[in-house]
Amino acid sequence: MNLNCPSCNAEIKPENINVSTNLAKCDKCNSIHKASDLSKSLEKKDINPPNGSKIEIKKGLNGTIELIYPKKGFSISLIPQLLFAIFWLGFISFWTWGASQGSVFFALFSIPFWLVGLSMITGIINSANEIQIITLDKYRLTVKRLRPIRPKIFETELKDIQSIKMKGMKMNPFAMFGNFRHMMKMQRSFGVAIEVPAIITGRKTEYFFDDANDAEQEWVTRILDNLIKIQRK
């Protein structure tokens, strides 16, 4: 079980935690603490989200924990995406109509562009209304994306989770249009990908809380990783 030192906030390595003596030593500042106290500290204090965060934490029966990222609703940041999607679909409509005057077969070449436009509209609707819920119990972790179009559920057993960390995720450039924070992250990564929280198992990588701000993403990555290690005890 990995814990953080209350003196310097460094991570205490598993080999420095002695379960039999209930002691944990920090390599960075050489301080020694009771391992049980650090575990209680995690549950009572460190589990609180960053100031101003809308992330909710609920504790259920049998030690079940839920992390809820609520829907953000329609925000100003979505306006550029919506205007671009409307322009795109309007242009494709005009092009398809013009092409159909000459040949219906030629007009069919517009189908991929229609799919891109519909994908943008879908992304805007889901982005405004999606609720993400992470449920953690003694044996498994579940991520639910509750959204109007194509809701999604990911579930894995705790023993199959290799790590939870920030990991690069390739983004749809059309979906990113107007999202200033994502665009800045993409620039810092030289256009390759942006880093978001990820659950890494032996069979796949599942991303979550991708719309959360940087402080929320760093917090949820650290706290979820620690909670899983505690649940595995």
C-alpha atoms as a PDB file:
ATOM      1  CA  MET A   1       0.000   0.000   0.000  1.00  0.00           C
ATOM      2  CA  ASN A   2       1.431   3.371  -0.992  1.00  0.00           C
ATOM      3  CA  LEU A   3       0.810   6.366   1.268  1.00  0.00           C
ATOM      4  CA  ASN A   4       1.927   9.971   1.274  1.00  0.00           C
ATOM      5  CA  CYS A   5       4.151  11.477   3.951  1.00  0.00           C
ATOM      6  CA  PRO A   6       2.275  14.181   5.933  1.00  0.00           C
ATOM      7  CA  SER A   7       5.558  16.056   6.502  1.00  0.00           C
ATOM      8  CA  CYS A   8       6.727  16.510   2.898  1.00  0.00           C
ATOM      9  CA  ASN A   9       3.861  14.940   0.878  1.00  0.00           C
ATOM     10  CA  ALA A  10       6.268  12.532  -0.859  1.00  0.00           C
ATOM     11  CA  GLU A  11       5.040   9.048  -1.680  1.00  0.00           C
ATOM     12  CA  ILE A  12       6.152   6.403   0.809  1.00  0.00           C
ATOM     13  CA  LYS A  13       7.426   3.309  -0.971  1.00  0.00           C
ATOM     14  CA  PRO A  14       5.744  -0.037  -0.196  1.00  0.00           C
ATOM     15  CA  GLU A  15       9.029  -1.514   1.040  1.00  0.00           C
ATOM     16  CA  ASN A  16       9.186   1.230   3.696  1.00  0.00           C
ATOM     17  CA  ILE A  17       5.828   0.224   5.184  1.00  0.00           C
ATOM     18  CA  ASN A  18       6.052  -2.399   7.940  1.00  0.00           C
ATOM     19  CA  VAL A  19       2.608  -3.843   8.562  1.00  0.00           C
ATOM     20  CA  SER A  20       3.682  -5.859  11.610  1.00  0.00           C
ATOM     21  CA  THR A  21       5.067  -2.799  13.441  1.00  0.00           C
ATOM     22  CA  ASN A  22       2.504  -0.395  11.902  1.00  0.00           C
ATOM     23  CA  LEU A  23       5.330   1.984  10.908  1.00  0.00           C
ATOM     24  CA  ALA A  24       6.096   3.784   7.656  1.00  0.00           C
ATOM     25  CA  LYS A  25       9.298   5.664   6.822  1.00  0.00           C
ATOM     26  CA  CYS A  26       9.662   8.463   4.270  1.00  0.00           C
ATOM     27  CA  ASP A  27      12.897   8.302   2.233  1.00  0.00           C
ATOM     28  CA  LYS A  28      12.730  11.978   1.346  1.00  0.00           C
ATOM     29  CA  CYS A  29      12.598  13.557   4.825  1.00  0.00           C
ATOM     30  CA  ASN A  30      13.424  10.458   6.926  1.00  0.00           C
ATOM     31  CA  SER A  31      10.337  10.945   9.100  1.00  0.00           C
ATOM     32  CA  ILE A  32       8.555   7.930  10.594  1.00  0.00           C
ATOM     33  CA  HIS A  33       4.777   7.667  10.954  1.00  0.00           C
ATOM     34  CA  LYS A  34       2.130   5.173  11.969  1.00  0.00           C
ATOM     35  CA  ALA A  35       0.847   3.506   8.797  1.00  0.00           C
ATOM     36  CA  SER A  36      -2.680   3.244  10.216  1.00  0.00           C
ATOM     37  CA  ASP A  37      -2.739   6.994  10.904  1.00  0.00           C
ATOM     38  CA  LEU A  38      -1.728   7.733   7.320  1.00  0.00           C
ATOM     39  CA  SER A  39      -4.515   5.502   6.060  1.00  0.00           C
ATOM     40  CA  LYS A  40      -7.065   7.316   8.254  1.00  0.00           C
ATOM     41  CA  SER A  41      -5.692  10.651   7.057  1.00  0.00           C
ATOM     42  CA  LEU A  42      -6.308   9.598   3.491  1.00  0.00           C
ATOM     43  CA  GLU A  43      -9.912   8.692   4.231  1.00  0.00           C
ATOM     44  CA  LYS A  44     -10.772  11.838   6.202  1.00  0.00           C
ATOM     45  CA  LYS A  45      -8.670  14.670   4.804  1.00  0.00           C
ATOM     46  CA  ASP A  46      -6.905  13.915   1.516  1.00  0.00           C
ATOM     47  CA  ILE A  47     -10.061  12.533  -0.063  1.00  0.00           C
ATOM     48  CA  ASN A  48     -11.561  16.024  -0.309  1.00  0.00           C
ATOM     49  CA  PRO A  49     -11.546  17.356  -3.905  1.00  0.00           C
ATOM     50  CA  PRO A  50      -9.690  20.597  -4.788  1.00  0.00           C
ATOM     51  CA  ASN A  51     -11.332  23.861  -3.765  1.00  0.00           C
ATOM     52  CA  GLY A  52     -14.106  24.870  -6.139  1.00  0.00           C
ATOM     53  CA  SER A  53     -14.414  21.389  -7.634  1.00  0.00           C
ATOM     54  CA  LYS A  54     -17.872  20.041  -8.475  1.00  0.00           C
ATOM     55  CA  ILE A  55     -16.739  16.430  -8.031  1.00  0.00           C
ATOM     56  CA  GLU A  56     -18.920  14.657  -5.467  1.00  0.00           C
ATOM     57  CA  ILE A  57     -17.857  11.803  -3.190  1.00  0.00           C
ATOM     58  CA  LYS A  58     -20.370   9.370  -1.740  1.00  0.00           C
ATOM     59  CA  LYS A  59     -19.697   6.467   0.605  1.00  0.00           C
ATOM     60  CA  GLY A  60     -22.120   3.568   0.493  1.00  0.00           C
ATOM     61  CA  LEU A  61     -22.605   0.293   2.314  1.00  0.00           C
ATOM     62  CA  ASN A  62     -19.782  -2.251   2.627  1.00  0.00           C
ATOM     63  CA  GLY A  63     -17.129   0.386   1.970  1.00  0.00           C
ATOM     64  CA  THR A  64     -18.349   1.295  -1.522  1.00  0.00           C
ATOM     65  CA  ILE A  65     -17.091   4.682  -2.746  1.00  0.00           C
ATOM     66  CA  GLU A  66     -18.497   6.755  -5.608  1.00  0.00           C
ATOM     67  CA  LEU A  67     -16.738   9.639  -7.365  1.00  0.00           C
ATOM     68  CA  ILE A  68     -19.226  11.654  -9.414  1.00  0.00           C
ATOM     69  CA  TYR A  69     -18.326  14.204 -12.073  1.00  0.00           C
ATOM     70  CA  PRO A  70     -21.622  16.063 -12.754  1.00  0.00           C
ATOM     71  CA  LYS A  71     -22.808  17.277 -16.115  1.00  0.00           C
ATOM     72  CA  LYS A  72     -21.509  20.736 -16.946  1.00  0.00           C
ATOM     73  CA  GLY A  73     -24.467  21.854 -19.054  1.00  0.00           C
ATOM     74  CA  PHE A  74     -24.206  24.102 -22.086  1.00  0.00           C
ATOM     75  CA  SER A  75     -21.319  26.500 -21.521  1.00  0.00           C
ATOM     76  CA  ILE A  76     -19.717  29.347 -23.463  1.00  0.00           C
ATOM     77  CA  SER A  77     -16.826  27.055 -24.395  1.00  0.00           C
ATOM     78  CA  LEU A  78     -19.239  24.963 -26.494  1.00  0.00           C
ATOM     79  CA  ILE A  79     -20.417  27.910 -28.628  1.00  0.00           C
ATOM     80  CA  PRO A  80     -17.421  27.868 -31.047  1.00  0.00           C
ATOM     81  CA  GLN A  81     -17.877  24.101 -31.493  1.00  0.00           C
ATOM     82  CA  LEU A  82     -21.607  24.526 -32.155  1.00  0.00           C
ATOM     83  CA  LEU A  83     -21.091  27.364 -34.651  1.00  0.00           C
ATOM     84  CA  PHE A  84     -18.413  25.389 -36.489  1.00  0.00           C
ATOM     85  CA  ALA A  85     -20.668  22.298 -36.607  1.00  0.00           C
ATOM     86  CA  ILE A  86     -23.561  24.371 -38.001  1.00  0.00           C
ATOM     87  CA  PHE A  87     -21.281  25.942 -40.609  1.00  0.00           C
ATOM     88  CA  TRP A  88     -19.879  22.522 -41.528  1.00  0.00           C
ATOM     89  CA  LEU A  89     -23.308  20.912 -41.966  1.00  0.00           C
ATOM     90  CA  GLY A  90     -24.600  23.934 -43.859  1.00  0.00           C
ATOM     91  CA  PHE A  91     -21.682  23.816 -46.286  1.00  0.00           C
ATOM     92  CA  ILE A  92     -22.020  20.036 -46.768  1.00  0.00           C
ATOM     93  CA  SER A  93     -25.754  20.446 -47.376  1.00  0.00           C
ATOM     94  CA  PHE A  94     -25.094  23.040 -50.077  1.00  0.00           C
ATOM     95  CA  TRP A  95     -22.326  20.929 -51.650  1.00  0.00           C
ATOM     96  CA  THR A  96     -24.478  17.768 -51.612  1.00  0.00           C
ATOM     97  CA  TRP A  97     -27.388  19.592 -53.210  1.00  0.00           C
ATOM     98  CA  GLY A  98     -25.121  21.016 -55.918  1.00  0.00           C
ATOM     99  CA  ALA A  99     -23.477  17.653 -56.586  1.00  0.00           C
ATOM    100  CA  SER A 100     -26.852  15.891 -56.813  1.00  0.00           C
ATOM    101  CA  GLN A 101     -27.878  18.185 -59.647  1.00  0.00           C
ATOM    102  CA  GLY A 102     -25.197  16.598 -61.772  1.00  0.00           C
ATOM    103  CA  SER A 103     -25.033  13.040 -60.419  1.00  0.00           C
ATOM    104  CA  VAL A 104     -26.542  11.283 -57.447  1.00  0.00           C
ATOM    105  CA  PHE A 105     -23.515   8.963 -57.384  1.00  0.00           C
ATOM    106  CA  PHE A 106     -21.161  11.961 -57.117  1.00  0.00           C
ATOM    107  CA  ALA A 107     -23.259  13.361 -54.245  1.00  0.00           C
ATOM    108  CA  LEU A 108     -22.637  10.142 -52.282  1.00  0.00           C
ATOM    109  CA  PHE A 109     -19.017  11.230 -51.807  1.00  0.00           C
ATOM    110  CA  SER A 110     -20.335  13.660 -49.186  1.00  0.00           C
ATOM    111  CA  ILE A 111     -21.350  10.828 -46.809  1.00  0.00           C
ATOM    112  CA  PRO A 112     -18.042  10.811 -44.810  1.00  0.00           C
ATOM    113  CA  PHE A 113     -18.356  14.584 -44.334  1.00  0.00           C
ATOM    114  CA  TRP A 114     -21.935  14.182 -43.106  1.00  0.00           C
ATOM    115  CA  LEU A 115     -20.686  11.626 -40.578  1.00  0.00           C
ATOM    116  CA  VAL A 116     -18.033  14.086 -39.345  1.00  0.00           C
ATOM    117  CA  GLY A 117     -20.669  16.781 -38.879  1.00  0.00           C
ATOM    118  CA  LEU A 118     -23.035  14.456 -37.038  1.00  0.00           C
ATOM    119  CA  SER A 119     -20.106  13.316 -34.881  1.00  0.00           C
ATOM    120  CA  MET A 120     -19.464  16.934 -33.890  1.00  0.00           C
ATOM    121  CA  ILE A 121     -23.119  17.477 -32.939  1.00  0.00           C
ATOM    122  CA  THR A 122     -23.095  14.220 -30.955  1.00  0.00           C
ATOM    123  CA  GLY A 123     -19.946  15.307 -29.124  1.00  0.00           C
ATOM    124  CA  ILE A 124     -21.480  18.681 -28.194  1.00  0.00           C
ATOM    125  CA  ILE A 125     -24.690  17.086 -26.865  1.00  0.00           C
ATOM    126  CA  ASN A 126     -22.780  14.480 -24.857  1.00  0.00           C
ATOM    127  CA  SER A 127     -20.249  16.991 -23.543  1.00  0.00           C
ATOM    128  CA  ALA A 128     -23.013  19.186 -22.129  1.00  0.00           C
ATOM    129  CA  ASN A 129     -25.040  16.360 -20.583  1.00  0.00           C
ATOM    130  CA  GLU A 130     -22.591  13.612 -19.657  1.00  0.00           C
ATOM    131  CA  ILE A 131     -22.294  12.472 -16.037  1.00  0.00           C
ATOM    132  CA  GLN A 132     -19.334  10.262 -15.106  1.00  0.00           C
ATOM    133  CA  ILE A 133     -19.610   7.977 -12.082  1.00  0.00           C
ATOM    134  CA  ILE A 134     -16.733   5.873 -10.748  1.00  0.00           C
ATOM    135  CA  THR A 135     -17.801   3.159  -8.304  1.00  0.00           C
ATOM    136  CA  LEU A 136     -15.201   1.335  -6.236  1.00  0.00           C
ATOM    137  CA  ASP A 137     -15.732  -1.610  -3.878  1.00  0.00           C
ATOM    138  CA  LYS A 138     -13.507  -4.329  -2.452  1.00  0.00           C
ATOM    139  CA  TYR A 139     -13.377  -6.276  -5.700  1.00  0.00           C
ATOM    140  CA  ARG A 140     -14.090  -4.134  -8.738  1.00  0.00           C
ATOM    141  CA  LEU A 141     -14.078  -0.672 -10.264  1.00  0.00           C
ATOM    142  CA  THR A 142     -16.794   0.608 -12.581  1.00  0.00           C
ATOM    143  CA  VAL A 143     -16.805   3.715 -14.751  1.00  0.00           C
ATOM    144  CA  LYS A 144     -20.189   4.854 -16.075  1.00  0.00           C
ATOM    145  CA  ARG A 145     -20.579   7.545 -18.730  1.00  0.00           C
ATOM    146  CA  LEU A 146     -24.243   8.517 -18.537  1.00  0.00           C
ATOM    147  CA  ARG A 147     -25.022  10.562 -21.649  1.00  0.00           C
ATOM    148  CA  PRO A 148     -27.888  10.966 -24.149  1.00  0.00           C
ATOM    149  CA  ILE A 149     -26.076   9.301 -27.060  1.00  0.00           C
ATOM    150  CA  ARG A 150     -24.132   6.045 -26.734  1.00  0.00           C
ATOM    151  CA  PRO A 151     -23.813   5.728 -22.943  1.00  0.00           C
ATOM    152  CA  LYS A 152     -20.885   3.590 -21.854  1.00  0.00           C
ATOM    153  CA  ILE A 153     -19.970   1.323 -18.926  1.00  0.00           C
ATOM    154  CA  PHE A 154     -16.468   0.017 -18.162  1.00  0.00           C
ATOM    155  CA  GLU A 155     -15.896  -2.538 -15.414  1.00  0.00           C
ATOM    156  CA  THR A 156     -12.773  -4.313 -14.209  1.00  0.00           C
ATOM    157  CA  GLU A 157     -11.671  -6.281 -11.177  1.00  0.00           C
ATOM    158  CA  LEU A 158      -9.173  -4.537  -8.900  1.00  0.00           C
ATOM    159  CA  LYS A 159      -6.642  -7.334  -9.315  1.00  0.00           C
ATOM    160  CA  ASP A 160      -6.495  -6.623 -13.063  1.00  0.00           C
ATOM    161  CA  ILE A 161      -5.618  -2.925 -12.646  1.00  0.00           C
ATOM    162  CA  GLN A 162      -1.924  -2.306 -13.304  1.00  0.00           C
ATOM    163  CA  SER A 163      -1.930   1.423 -12.567  1.00  0.00           C
ATOM    164  CA  ILE A 164      -3.970   4.618 -12.586  1.00  0.00           C
ATOM    165  CA  LYS A 165      -2.107   7.622 -13.944  1.00  0.00           C
ATOM    166  CA  MET A 166      -2.137  10.509 -16.385  1.00  0.00           C
ATOM    167  CA  LYS A 167      -1.728   9.116 -19.900  1.00  0.00           C
ATOM    168  CA  GLY A 168      -1.768  10.567 -23.403  1.00  0.00           C
ATOM    169  CA  MET A 169      -5.060  10.295 -25.268  1.00  0.00           C
ATOM    170  CA  LYS A 170      -5.548  11.173 -28.921  1.00  0.00           C
ATOM    171  CA  MET A 171      -8.384  13.642 -29.382  1.00  0.00           C
ATOM    172  CA  ASN A 172     -10.748  14.287 -32.265  1.00  0.00           C
ATOM    173  CA  PRO A 173      -9.588  17.702 -33.574  1.00  0.00           C
ATOM    174  CA  PHE A 174     -13.176  18.678 -34.409  1.00  0.00           C
ATOM    175  CA  ALA A 175     -14.334  17.862 -30.869  1.00  0.00           C
ATOM    176  CA  MET A 176     -11.487  19.958 -29.456  1.00  0.00           C
ATOM    177  CA  PHE A 177     -12.394  23.054 -31.446  1.00  0.00           C
ATOM    178  CA  GLY A 178     -13.311  25.793 -28.973  1.00  0.00           C
ATOM    179  CA  ASN A 179     -12.008  23.897 -25.934  1.00  0.00           C
ATOM    180  CA  PHE A 180      -9.154  26.235 -24.993  1.00  0.00           C
ATOM    181  CA  ARG A 181      -7.765  24.009 -22.233  1.00  0.00           C
ATOM    182  CA  HIS A 182      -7.573  20.943 -24.476  1.00  0.00           C
ATOM    183  CA  MET A 183      -6.053  22.970 -27.289  1.00  0.00           C
ATOM    184  CA  MET A 184      -3.311  24.297 -24.973  1.00  0.00           C
ATOM    185  CA  LYS A 185      -2.568  20.776 -23.749  1.00  0.00           C
ATOM    186  CA  MET A 186      -2.348  19.573 -27.337  1.00  0.00           C
ATOM    187  CA  GLN A 187       0.145  22.329 -28.134  1.00  0.00           C
ATOM    188  CA  ARG A 188       2.326  21.338 -25.170  1.00  0.00           C
ATOM    189  CA  SER A 189       2.386  17.755 -26.433  1.00  0.00           C
ATOM    190  CA  PHE A 190       3.294  18.934 -29.986  1.00  0.00           C
ATOM    191  CA  GLY A 191      -0.069  17.845 -31.358  1.00  0.00           C
ATOM    192  CA  VAL A 192       0.366  14.173 -30.443  1.00  0.00           C
ATOM    193  CA  ALA A 193      -2.100  13.744 -27.569  1.00  0.00           C
ATOM    194  CA  ILE A 194      -3.289  15.286 -24.315  1.00  0.00           C
ATOM    195  CA  GLU A 195      -2.782  13.694 -20.902  1.00  0.00           C
ATOM    196  CA  VAL A 196      -5.905  12.700 -18.973  1.00  0.00           C
ATOM    197  CA  PRO A 197      -6.579  10.244 -16.119  1.00  0.00           C
ATOM    198  CA  ALA A 198      -6.434   6.619 -17.247  1.00  0.00           C
ATOM    199  CA  ILE A 199      -7.139   3.185 -15.765  1.00  0.00           C
ATOM    200  CA  ILE A 200      -4.594   0.763 -17.208  1.00  0.00           C
ATOM    201  CA  THR A 201      -5.357  -2.951 -17.155  1.00  0.00           C
ATOM    202  CA  GLY A 202      -3.785  -5.887 -18.912  1.00  0.00           C
ATOM    203  CA  ARG A 203      -6.332  -5.756 -21.733  1.00  0.00           C
ATOM    204  CA  LYS A 204      -7.107  -2.065 -22.293  1.00  0.00           C
ATOM    205  CA  THR A 205      -6.748   1.553 -21.181  1.00  0.00           C
ATOM    206  CA  GLU A 206      -9.893   3.362 -20.037  1.00  0.00           C
ATOM    207  CA  TYR A 207      -9.835   7.170 -19.853  1.00  0.00           C
ATOM    208  CA  PHE A 208     -12.059   9.109 -17.477  1.00  0.00           C
ATOM    209  CA  PHE A 209     -12.763  12.645 -16.191  1.00  0.00           C
ATOM    210  CA  ASP A 210     -11.289  13.999 -19.458  1.00  0.00           C
ATOM    211  CA  ASP A 211     -13.284  17.255 -19.137  1.00  0.00           C
ATOM    212  CA  ALA A 212     -12.115  17.933 -15.567  1.00  0.00           C
ATOM    213  CA  ASN A 213      -9.576  20.708 -14.962  1.00  0.00           C
ATOM    214  CA  ASP A 214      -5.888  20.008 -14.301  1.00  0.00           C
ATOM    215  CA  ALA A 215      -6.174  20.147 -10.485  1.00  0.00           C
ATOM    216  CA  GLU A 216      -9.164  17.781 -10.486  1.00  0.00           C
ATOM    217  CA  GLN A 217      -7.435  15.339 -12.820  1.00  0.00           C
ATOM    218  CA  GLU A 218      -4.255  15.234 -10.741  1.00  0.00           C
ATOM    219  CA  TRP A 219      -6.306  14.803  -7.548  1.00  0.00           C
ATOM    220  CA  VAL A 220      -8.573  12.042  -8.860  1.00  0.00           C
ATOM    221  CA  THR A 221      -5.609  10.124 -10.304  1.00  0.00           C
ATOM    222  CA  ARG A 222      -3.746  10.167  -6.990  1.00  0.00           C
ATOM    223  CA  ILE A 223      -6.734   9.520  -4.721  1.00  0.00           C
ATOM    224  CA  LEU A 224      -8.179   6.720  -6.845  1.00  0.00           C
ATOM    225  CA  ASP A 225      -4.814   4.967  -7.062  1.00  0.00           C
ATOM    226  CA  ASN A 226      -4.462   5.143  -3.261  1.00  0.00           C
ATOM    227  CA  LEU A 227      -8.060   4.038  -2.624  1.00  0.00           C
ATOM    228  CA  ILE A 228      -7.577   0.975  -4.811  1.00  0.00           C
ATOM    229  CA  LYS A 229      -4.455   0.007  -2.898  1.00  0.00           C
ATOM    230  CA  ILE A 230      -6.370   0.364   0.374  1.00  0.00           C
ATOM    231  CA  GLN A 231      -9.279  -1.741  -0.949  1.00  0.00           C
ATOM    232  CA  ARG A 232      -6.854  -4.484  -1.968  1.00  0.00           C
ATOM    233  CA  LYS A 233      -5.588  -4.901   1.608  1.00  0.00           C
END
